[in-house]
């Protein structure tokens, strides 16, 4: 990965660092590929219970690398290569474990899209968010998919149509992030949240996360039928039996992730 991505592991929490601080962690094609590889490795490692996505240096991510990722080698090749970023955003949602964005400094453009694609997000009190693409004659096309699923319509249109930056408190108000951490504690706060959600039943979390996104795409009657089936399956798992027994016995459960 040529040090564009750094990996740290503490217990069940894997922290994946964007490591291009000299470029404000701008998303080059190589960095996108490395992030995809890092997520695939996390998915394949049974020791990983949650992932934290963070940025080295002064900020989380300044967005797409304009010197690298837009033109490509001809129209068709460029179009295909830009699809790698769309794949990355989808793979975050598809990962079997929760992904938590730990944001400090700026999360702009594609960086804001990464935050929106994550399952949860914690931001430093001084963090800033924005989609400034409109100011250079572009629109935040691909990240719009993730943003539109998490941010209310009028608040989001103001963000994408003005290109203005908003602070962490406003980002929390519109649902872009979950929590605002006191200045300087953003990483610890995100890793603590990751440890909390990563401590749940692995079976319930993996299948529940999949269903969480699936129900958005289903008609209401189909969604209820699908979730009824999921509940019946869940009740048959060893973890569900252990969880009920632990509750009745007033003790902490021991998960087997099956």
C-alpha atoms as a PDB file:
ATOM      1  CA  UNK A   1       0.000   0.000   0.000  1.00  0.00           C
ATOM      2  CA  UNK A   2       3.127   2.189  -0.199  1.00  0.00           C
ATOM      3  CA  UNK A   3       2.261   3.787   3.165  1.00  0.00           C
ATOM      4  CA  UNK A   4      -0.759   5.617   1.691  1.00  0.00           C
ATOM      5  CA  UNK A   5      -2.805   3.680   4.244  1.00  0.00           C
ATOM      6  CA  UNK A   6      -1.715   2.729   7.748  1.00  0.00           C
ATOM      7  CA  UNK A   7      -3.346   0.057   9.906  1.00  0.00           C
ATOM      8  CA  UNK A   8      -3.549  -0.135  13.701  1.00  0.00           C
ATOM      9  CA  UNK A   9      -5.297  -2.794  15.771  1.00  0.00           C
ATOM     10  CA  UNK A  10      -6.404  -2.498  19.386  1.00  0.00           C
ATOM     11  CA  UNK A  11      -8.570  -5.351  20.625  1.00  0.00           C
ATOM     12  CA  UNK A  12     -11.330  -5.812  18.092  1.00  0.00           C
ATOM     13  CA  UNK A  13     -11.061  -2.267  16.724  1.00  0.00           C
ATOM     14  CA  UNK A  14      -9.055  -1.749  13.538  1.00  0.00           C
ATOM     15  CA  UNK A  15      -8.159   1.841  12.706  1.00  0.00           C
ATOM     16  CA  UNK A  16      -7.468   2.543   9.031  1.00  0.00           C
ATOM     17  CA  UNK A  17      -5.568   5.780   8.458  1.00  0.00           C
ATOM     18  CA  UNK A  18      -5.596   7.819   5.269  1.00  0.00           C
ATOM     19  CA  UNK A  19      -1.919   8.717   5.133  1.00  0.00           C
ATOM     20  CA  UNK A  20      -1.283  11.461   2.590  1.00  0.00           C
ATOM     21  CA  UNK A  21      -0.936  14.391   4.989  1.00  0.00           C
ATOM     22  CA  UNK A  22       1.142  16.376   2.485  1.00  0.00           C
ATOM     23  CA  UNK A  23      -1.888  16.270   0.154  1.00  0.00           C
ATOM     24  CA  UNK A  24      -4.447  16.733   2.952  1.00  0.00           C
ATOM     25  CA  UNK A  25      -5.351  13.054   2.422  1.00  0.00           C
ATOM     26  CA  UNK A  26      -6.799  13.846  -1.001  1.00  0.00           C
ATOM     27  CA  UNK A  27      -8.303  10.803  -2.679  1.00  0.00           C
ATOM     28  CA  UNK A  28      -5.989   9.710  -5.474  1.00  0.00           C
ATOM     29  CA  UNK A  29      -6.866   6.606  -7.446  1.00  0.00           C
ATOM     30  CA  UNK A  30      -4.063   4.747  -5.647  1.00  0.00           C
ATOM     31  CA  UNK A  31      -5.378   5.786  -2.222  1.00  0.00           C
ATOM     32  CA  UNK A  32      -8.881   4.645  -3.131  1.00  0.00           C
ATOM     33  CA  UNK A  33      -7.497   1.271  -4.224  1.00  0.00           C
ATOM     34  CA  UNK A  34      -5.528   0.980  -0.979  1.00  0.00           C
ATOM     35  CA  UNK A  35      -8.569   1.803   1.119  1.00  0.00           C
ATOM     36  CA  UNK A  36     -10.564  -0.867  -0.689  1.00  0.00           C
ATOM     37  CA  UNK A  37      -7.810  -3.399  -0.025  1.00  0.00           C
ATOM     38  CA  UNK A  38      -7.675  -2.404   3.651  1.00  0.00           C
ATOM     39  CA  UNK A  39     -11.432  -2.855   4.024  1.00  0.00           C
ATOM     40  CA  UNK A  40     -11.289  -6.240   2.310  1.00  0.00           C
ATOM     41  CA  UNK A  41      -8.542  -7.325   4.721  1.00  0.00           C
ATOM     42  CA  UNK A  42     -10.632  -6.169   7.681  1.00  0.00           C
ATOM     43  CA  UNK A  43     -13.646  -8.096   6.391  1.00  0.00           C
ATOM     44  CA  UNK A  44     -11.573 -11.269   6.131  1.00  0.00           C
ATOM     45  CA  UNK A  45     -10.084 -11.023   9.636  1.00  0.00           C
ATOM     46  CA  UNK A  46     -12.320 -12.565  12.321  1.00  0.00           C
ATOM     47  CA  UNK A  47     -10.493 -10.556  14.988  1.00  0.00           C
ATOM     48  CA  UNK A  48     -11.912  -7.301  13.562  1.00  0.00           C
ATOM     49  CA  UNK A  49     -15.163  -6.299  15.257  1.00  0.00           C
ATOM     50  CA  UNK A  50     -15.326  -2.677  14.093  1.00  0.00           C
ATOM     51  CA  UNK A  51     -13.373  -0.311  11.854  1.00  0.00           C
ATOM     52  CA  UNK A  52     -12.437   3.319  12.473  1.00  0.00           C
ATOM     53  CA  UNK A  53     -11.572   5.445   9.435  1.00  0.00           C
ATOM     54  CA  UNK A  54      -9.343   8.439  10.220  1.00  0.00           C
ATOM     55  CA  UNK A  55      -6.935  10.841   8.547  1.00  0.00           C
ATOM     56  CA  UNK A  56      -3.319  11.662   9.348  1.00  0.00           C
ATOM     57  CA  UNK A  57      -2.125  15.234   9.557  1.00  0.00           C
ATOM     58  CA  UNK A  58      -4.214  18.359   9.764  1.00  0.00           C
ATOM     59  CA  UNK A  59      -7.520  16.934   8.591  1.00  0.00           C
ATOM     60  CA  UNK A  60      -9.631  13.952   7.607  1.00  0.00           C
ATOM     61  CA  UNK A  61      -9.788  14.283   3.816  1.00  0.00           C
ATOM     62  CA  UNK A  62      -9.809  17.259   1.435  1.00  0.00           C
ATOM     63  CA  UNK A  63     -11.726  15.349  -1.264  1.00  0.00           C
ATOM     64  CA  UNK A  64     -10.722  14.104  -4.683  1.00  0.00           C
ATOM     65  CA  UNK A  65      -7.176  14.730  -5.843  1.00  0.00           C
ATOM     66  CA  UNK A  66      -7.756  17.087  -8.780  1.00  0.00           C
ATOM     67  CA  UNK A  67      -4.239  16.464 -10.050  1.00  0.00           C
ATOM     68  CA  UNK A  68      -4.804  12.719 -10.211  1.00  0.00           C
ATOM     69  CA  UNK A  69      -8.301  11.417 -10.298  1.00  0.00           C
ATOM     70  CA  UNK A  70     -10.487  13.269 -12.792  1.00  0.00           C
ATOM     71  CA  UNK A  71      -9.044  13.039 -16.271  1.00  0.00           C
ATOM     72  CA  UNK A  72      -7.789   9.488 -16.479  1.00  0.00           C
ATOM     73  CA  UNK A  73      -6.250   8.015 -19.658  1.00  0.00           C
ATOM     74  CA  UNK A  74      -9.036   8.896 -22.073  1.00  0.00           C
ATOM     75  CA  UNK A  75     -12.755   9.220 -21.393  1.00  0.00           C
ATOM     76  CA  UNK A  76     -13.643   5.531 -21.074  1.00  0.00           C
ATOM     77  CA  UNK A  77     -10.668   4.693 -18.862  1.00  0.00           C
ATOM     78  CA  UNK A  78     -11.255   7.756 -16.706  1.00  0.00           C
ATOM     79  CA  UNK A  79     -14.931   6.906 -16.302  1.00  0.00           C
ATOM     80  CA  UNK A  80     -14.057   3.353 -15.235  1.00  0.00           C
ATOM     81  CA  UNK A  81     -11.374   4.468 -12.794  1.00  0.00           C
ATOM     82  CA  UNK A  82     -13.724   6.927 -11.095  1.00  0.00           C
ATOM     83  CA  UNK A  83     -16.046   3.984 -10.498  1.00  0.00           C
ATOM     84  CA  UNK A  84     -13.506   2.697  -7.986  1.00  0.00           C
ATOM     85  CA  UNK A  85     -14.561   5.432  -5.582  1.00  0.00           C
ATOM     86  CA  UNK A  86     -18.216   4.463  -5.993  1.00  0.00           C
ATOM     87  CA  UNK A  87     -17.185   0.886  -5.227  1.00  0.00           C
ATOM     88  CA  UNK A  88     -15.364   2.036  -2.080  1.00  0.00           C
ATOM     89  CA  UNK A  89     -18.462   3.821  -0.771  1.00  0.00           C
ATOM     90  CA  UNK A  90     -20.590   0.736  -1.407  1.00  0.00           C
ATOM     91  CA  UNK A  91     -18.049  -1.566   0.237  1.00  0.00           C
ATOM     92  CA  UNK A  92     -18.170   0.493   3.429  1.00  0.00           C
ATOM     93  CA  UNK A  93     -21.904  -0.156   3.657  1.00  0.00           C
ATOM     94  CA  UNK A  94     -21.453  -3.835   2.748  1.00  0.00           C
ATOM     95  CA  UNK A  95     -18.684  -4.515   5.283  1.00  0.00           C
ATOM     96  CA  UNK A  96     -19.801  -7.058   7.883  1.00  0.00           C
ATOM     97  CA  UNK A  97     -18.697  -4.822  10.788  1.00  0.00           C
ATOM     98  CA  UNK A  98     -19.599  -1.215  11.626  1.00  0.00           C
ATOM     99  CA  UNK A  99     -17.379   1.497  10.152  1.00  0.00           C
ATOM    100  CA  UNK A 100     -16.962   4.685  12.192  1.00  0.00           C
ATOM    101  CA  UNK A 101     -15.536   7.880  10.711  1.00  0.00           C
ATOM    102  CA  UNK A 102     -13.243   9.761  13.099  1.00  0.00           C
ATOM    103  CA  UNK A 103     -13.122  13.298  11.731  1.00  0.00           C
ATOM    104  CA  UNK A 104     -10.864  16.208  12.536  1.00  0.00           C
ATOM    105  CA  UNK A 105     -10.048  19.226  10.447  1.00  0.00           C
ATOM    106  CA  UNK A 106     -11.709  19.285   7.043  1.00  0.00           C
ATOM    107  CA  UNK A 107     -13.893  16.597   5.450  1.00  0.00           C
ATOM    108  CA  UNK A 108     -14.646  18.058   2.046  1.00  0.00           C
ATOM    109  CA  UNK A 109     -16.022  16.720  -1.230  1.00  0.00           C
ATOM    110  CA  UNK A 110     -15.167  13.039  -1.435  1.00  0.00           C
ATOM    111  CA  UNK A 111     -14.021  13.197   2.185  1.00  0.00           C
ATOM    112  CA  UNK A 112     -17.503  14.341   3.190  1.00  0.00           C
ATOM    113  CA  UNK A 113     -18.835  11.456   1.099  1.00  0.00           C
ATOM    114  CA  UNK A 114     -16.674   9.011   3.037  1.00  0.00           C
ATOM    115  CA  UNK A 115     -18.171  10.326   6.272  1.00  0.00           C
ATOM    116  CA  UNK A 116     -21.685   9.953   4.881  1.00  0.00           C
ATOM    117  CA  UNK A 117     -20.978   6.399   3.712  1.00  0.00           C
ATOM    118  CA  UNK A 118     -19.744   5.274   7.132  1.00  0.00           C
ATOM    119  CA  UNK A 119     -22.253   3.700   9.494  1.00  0.00           C
ATOM    120  CA  UNK A 120     -21.397   6.127  12.286  1.00  0.00           C
ATOM    121  CA  UNK A 121     -19.328   9.303  12.560  1.00  0.00           C
ATOM    122  CA  UNK A 122     -17.651  11.165  15.405  1.00  0.00           C
ATOM    123  CA  UNK A 123     -16.142  14.592  14.785  1.00  0.00           C
ATOM    124  CA  UNK A 124     -13.837  16.942  16.618  1.00  0.00           C
ATOM    125  CA  UNK A 125     -15.530  20.120  17.795  1.00  0.00           C
ATOM    126  CA  UNK A 126     -13.438  22.085  15.285  1.00  0.00           C
ATOM    127  CA  UNK A 127     -14.108  19.813  12.275  1.00  0.00           C
ATOM    128  CA  UNK A 128     -15.596  21.267   9.087  1.00  0.00           C
ATOM    129  CA  UNK A 129     -17.662  19.619   6.369  1.00  0.00           C
ATOM    130  CA  UNK A 130     -18.595  20.688   2.881  1.00  0.00           C
ATOM    131  CA  UNK A 131     -19.153  19.856  -0.780  1.00  0.00           C
ATOM    132  CA  UNK A 132     -17.320  22.653  -2.592  1.00  0.00           C
ATOM    133  CA  UNK A 133     -17.493  21.004  -6.039  1.00  0.00           C
ATOM    134  CA  UNK A 134     -20.104  23.483  -7.283  1.00  0.00           C
ATOM    135  CA  UNK A 135     -17.516  26.272  -6.995  1.00  0.00           C
ATOM    136  CA  UNK A 136     -15.393  24.698  -9.726  1.00  0.00           C
ATOM    137  CA  UNK A 137     -18.296  23.880 -12.013  1.00  0.00           C
ATOM    138  CA  UNK A 138     -18.909  20.340 -10.810  1.00  0.00           C
ATOM    139  CA  UNK A 139     -21.582  18.633  -8.727  1.00  0.00           C
ATOM    140  CA  UNK A 140     -20.914  16.066  -5.979  1.00  0.00           C
ATOM    141  CA  UNK A 141     -22.345  13.304  -8.123  1.00  0.00           C
ATOM    142  CA  UNK A 142     -21.239  10.037  -6.520  1.00  0.00           C
ATOM    143  CA  UNK A 143     -21.236  11.146  -2.902  1.00  0.00           C
ATOM    144  CA  UNK A 144     -24.779  12.420  -3.439  1.00  0.00           C
ATOM    145  CA  UNK A 145     -25.946   8.803  -3.118  1.00  0.00           C
ATOM    146  CA  UNK A 146     -24.595   8.456   0.421  1.00  0.00           C
ATOM    147  CA  UNK A 147     -25.466  12.011   1.425  1.00  0.00           C
ATOM    148  CA  UNK A 148     -29.061  11.779   0.199  1.00  0.00           C
ATOM    149  CA  UNK A 149     -29.638   8.693   2.319  1.00  0.00           C
ATOM    150  CA  UNK A 150     -28.512  10.395   5.506  1.00  0.00           C
ATOM    151  CA  UNK A 151     -29.186  14.124   5.305  1.00  0.00           C
ATOM    152  CA  UNK A 152     -32.627  15.776   4.965  1.00  0.00           C
ATOM    153  CA  UNK A 153     -33.439  17.173   1.521  1.00  0.00           C
ATOM    154  CA  UNK A 154     -33.380  20.926   2.105  1.00  0.00           C
ATOM    155  CA  UNK A 155     -30.342  20.863   4.376  1.00  0.00           C
ATOM    156  CA  UNK A 156     -28.459  18.763   1.840  1.00  0.00           C
ATOM    157  CA  UNK A 157     -29.419  20.884  -1.149  1.00  0.00           C
ATOM    158  CA  UNK A 158     -28.190  23.985   0.641  1.00  0.00           C
ATOM    159  CA  UNK A 159     -24.885  22.216   1.291  1.00  0.00           C
ATOM    160  CA  UNK A 160     -24.350  21.071  -2.298  1.00  0.00           C
ATOM    161  CA  UNK A 161     -25.754  24.197  -3.981  1.00  0.00           C
ATOM    162  CA  UNK A 162     -23.737  26.743  -1.994  1.00  0.00           C
ATOM    163  CA  UNK A 163     -20.521  24.812  -1.503  1.00  0.00           C
ATOM    164  CA  UNK A 164     -20.291  26.376   1.967  1.00  0.00           C
ATOM    165  CA  UNK A 165     -18.548  24.654   4.856  1.00  0.00           C
ATOM    166  CA  UNK A 166     -20.416  23.803   8.026  1.00  0.00           C
ATOM    167  CA  UNK A 167     -19.144  23.089  11.522  1.00  0.00           C
ATOM    168  CA  UNK A 168     -19.456  19.936  13.556  1.00  0.00           C
ATOM    169  CA  UNK A 169     -22.511  21.079  15.511  1.00  0.00           C
ATOM    170  CA  UNK A 170     -24.430  21.810  12.316  1.00  0.00           C
ATOM    171  CA  UNK A 171     -23.268  18.504  10.819  1.00  0.00           C
ATOM    172  CA  UNK A 172     -24.730  16.732  13.848  1.00  0.00           C
ATOM    173  CA  UNK A 173     -27.989  18.684  13.574  1.00  0.00           C
ATOM    174  CA  UNK A 174     -28.563  17.521   9.991  1.00  0.00           C
ATOM    175  CA  UNK A 175     -27.571  13.918  10.670  1.00  0.00           C
ATOM    176  CA  UNK A 176     -24.259  13.854   8.816  1.00  0.00           C
ATOM    177  CA  UNK A 177     -22.453  12.823  12.004  1.00  0.00           C
ATOM    178  CA  UNK A 178     -23.547  11.210  15.256  1.00  0.00           C
ATOM    179  CA  UNK A 179     -21.436  12.898  17.903  1.00  0.00           C
ATOM    180  CA  UNK A 180     -19.292  15.965  18.439  1.00  0.00           C
ATOM    181  CA  UNK A 181     -16.264  15.223  20.612  1.00  0.00           C
ATOM    182  CA  UNK A 182     -14.486  17.829  22.735  1.00  0.00           C
ATOM    183  CA  UNK A 183     -11.526  19.342  20.913  1.00  0.00           C
ATOM    184  CA  UNK A 184      -8.651  16.883  20.615  1.00  0.00           C
ATOM    185  CA  UNK A 185     -10.630  13.791  21.675  1.00  0.00           C
ATOM    186  CA  UNK A 186     -12.126  12.821  18.307  1.00  0.00           C
ATOM    187  CA  UNK A 187     -10.023   9.675  17.843  1.00  0.00           C
ATOM    188  CA  UNK A 188     -10.512   8.327  21.359  1.00  0.00           C
ATOM    189  CA  UNK A 189     -14.249   9.032  21.148  1.00  0.00           C
ATOM    190  CA  UNK A 190     -14.565   7.230  17.805  1.00  0.00           C
ATOM    191  CA  UNK A 191     -12.541   4.250  18.988  1.00  0.00           C
ATOM    192  CA  UNK A 192     -14.625   4.013  22.178  1.00  0.00           C
ATOM    193  CA  UNK A 193     -17.814   3.967  20.104  1.00  0.00           C
ATOM    194  CA  UNK A 194     -16.243   1.344  17.828  1.00  0.00           C
ATOM    195  CA  UNK A 195     -15.391  -0.825  20.842  1.00  0.00           C
ATOM    196  CA  UNK A 196     -18.973  -0.485  22.091  1.00  0.00           C
ATOM    197  CA  UNK A 197     -20.681  -1.513  18.864  1.00  0.00           C
ATOM    198  CA  UNK A 198     -17.971  -4.082  18.168  1.00  0.00           C
ATOM    199  CA  UNK A 199     -18.745  -5.778  21.466  1.00  0.00           C
ATOM    200  CA  UNK A 200     -22.148  -6.980  20.278  1.00  0.00           C
ATOM    201  CA  UNK A 201     -22.949 -10.362  18.728  1.00  0.00           C
ATOM    202  CA  UNK A 202     -21.016 -10.635  15.476  1.00  0.00           C
ATOM    203  CA  UNK A 203     -23.841 -12.578  13.811  1.00  0.00           C
ATOM    204  CA  UNK A 204     -26.506 -10.090  14.826  1.00  0.00           C
ATOM    205  CA  UNK A 205     -24.366  -7.103  13.849  1.00  0.00           C
ATOM    206  CA  UNK A 206     -23.312  -8.424  10.439  1.00  0.00           C
ATOM    207  CA  UNK A 207     -26.783  -9.530   9.410  1.00  0.00           C
ATOM    208  CA  UNK A 208     -28.450  -6.568  11.055  1.00  0.00           C
ATOM    209  CA  UNK A 209     -26.201  -4.113   9.239  1.00  0.00           C
ATOM    210  CA  UNK A 210     -26.985  -5.780   5.927  1.00  0.00           C
ATOM    211  CA  UNK A 211     -30.705  -5.594   6.622  1.00  0.00           C
ATOM    212  CA  UNK A 212     -30.397  -1.981   7.801  1.00  0.00           C
ATOM    213  CA  UNK A 213     -29.413  -0.925   4.285  1.00  0.00           C
ATOM    214  CA  UNK A 214     -31.578  -3.479   2.512  1.00  0.00           C
ATOM    215  CA  UNK A 215     -34.852  -2.127   3.893  1.00  0.00           C
ATOM    216  CA  UNK A 216     -34.189   1.253   2.257  1.00  0.00           C
ATOM    217  CA  UNK A 217     -34.562  -0.353  -1.149  1.00  0.00           C
ATOM    218  CA  UNK A 218     -37.659  -2.476  -0.470  1.00  0.00           C
ATOM    219  CA  UNK A 219     -41.335  -1.649  -0.632  1.00  0.00           C
ATOM    220  CA  UNK A 220     -42.854  -1.561   2.842  1.00  0.00           C
ATOM    221  CA  UNK A 221     -44.714  -4.898   2.595  1.00  0.00           C
ATOM    222  CA  UNK A 222     -41.620  -6.652   1.237  1.00  0.00           C
ATOM    223  CA  UNK A 223     -39.449  -5.053   3.907  1.00  0.00           C
ATOM    224  CA  UNK A 224     -41.646  -6.309   6.737  1.00  0.00           C
ATOM    225  CA  UNK A 225     -41.737  -9.825   5.249  1.00  0.00           C
ATOM    226  CA  UNK A 226     -37.949  -9.868   4.866  1.00  0.00           C
ATOM    227  CA  UNK A 227     -37.391  -8.635   8.423  1.00  0.00           C
ATOM    228  CA  UNK A 228     -39.864 -11.232   9.768  1.00  0.00           C
ATOM    229  CA  UNK A 229     -37.716 -13.942   8.171  1.00  0.00           C
ATOM    230  CA  UNK A 230     -34.563 -12.381   9.579  1.00  0.00           C
ATOM    231  CA  UNK A 231     -36.040 -12.340  13.077  1.00  0.00           C
ATOM    232  CA  UNK A 232     -36.958 -16.026  12.840  1.00  0.00           C
ATOM    233  CA  UNK A 233     -33.413 -16.864  11.730  1.00  0.00           C
ATOM    234  CA  UNK A 234     -31.903 -14.724  14.477  1.00  0.00           C
ATOM    235  CA  UNK A 235     -33.945 -16.469  17.161  1.00  0.00           C
ATOM    236  CA  UNK A 236     -32.352 -19.778  16.132  1.00  0.00           C
ATOM    237  CA  UNK A 237     -28.769 -18.571  16.570  1.00  0.00           C
ATOM    238  CA  UNK A 238     -26.571 -19.553  19.494  1.00  0.00           C
ATOM    239  CA  UNK A 239     -25.934 -15.883  20.215  1.00  0.00           C
ATOM    240  CA  UNK A 240     -29.632 -15.135  20.635  1.00  0.00           C
ATOM    241  CA  UNK A 241     -30.026 -18.075  23.011  1.00  0.00           C
ATOM    242  CA  UNK A 242     -26.944 -16.951  24.935  1.00  0.00           C
ATOM    243  CA  UNK A 243     -28.148 -13.353  25.045  1.00  0.00           C
ATOM    244  CA  UNK A 244     -31.540 -14.310  26.493  1.00  0.00           C
ATOM    245  CA  UNK A 245     -29.927 -16.652  29.022  1.00  0.00           C
ATOM    246  CA  UNK A 246     -27.442 -13.978  30.083  1.00  0.00           C
ATOM    247  CA  UNK A 247     -30.243 -11.444  30.509  1.00  0.00           C
ATOM    248  CA  UNK A 248     -32.255 -13.808  32.691  1.00  0.00           C
ATOM    249  CA  UNK A 249     -29.168 -14.760  34.714  1.00  0.00           C
ATOM    250  CA  UNK A 250     -28.079 -11.117  35.083  1.00  0.00           C
ATOM    251  CA  UNK A 251     -24.624 -11.639  33.579  1.00  0.00           C
ATOM    252  CA  UNK A 252     -22.671 -10.461  30.564  1.00  0.00           C
ATOM    253  CA  UNK A 253     -23.165 -12.613  27.454  1.00  0.00           C
ATOM    254  CA  UNK A 254     -20.352 -14.573  25.828  1.00  0.00           C
ATOM    255  CA  UNK A 255     -20.805 -14.325  22.104  1.00  0.00           C
ATOM    256  CA  UNK A 256     -19.883 -17.107  19.687  1.00  0.00           C
ATOM    257  CA  UNK A 257     -20.866 -15.124  16.586  1.00  0.00           C
ATOM    258  CA  UNK A 258     -23.112 -17.888  15.356  1.00  0.00           C
END
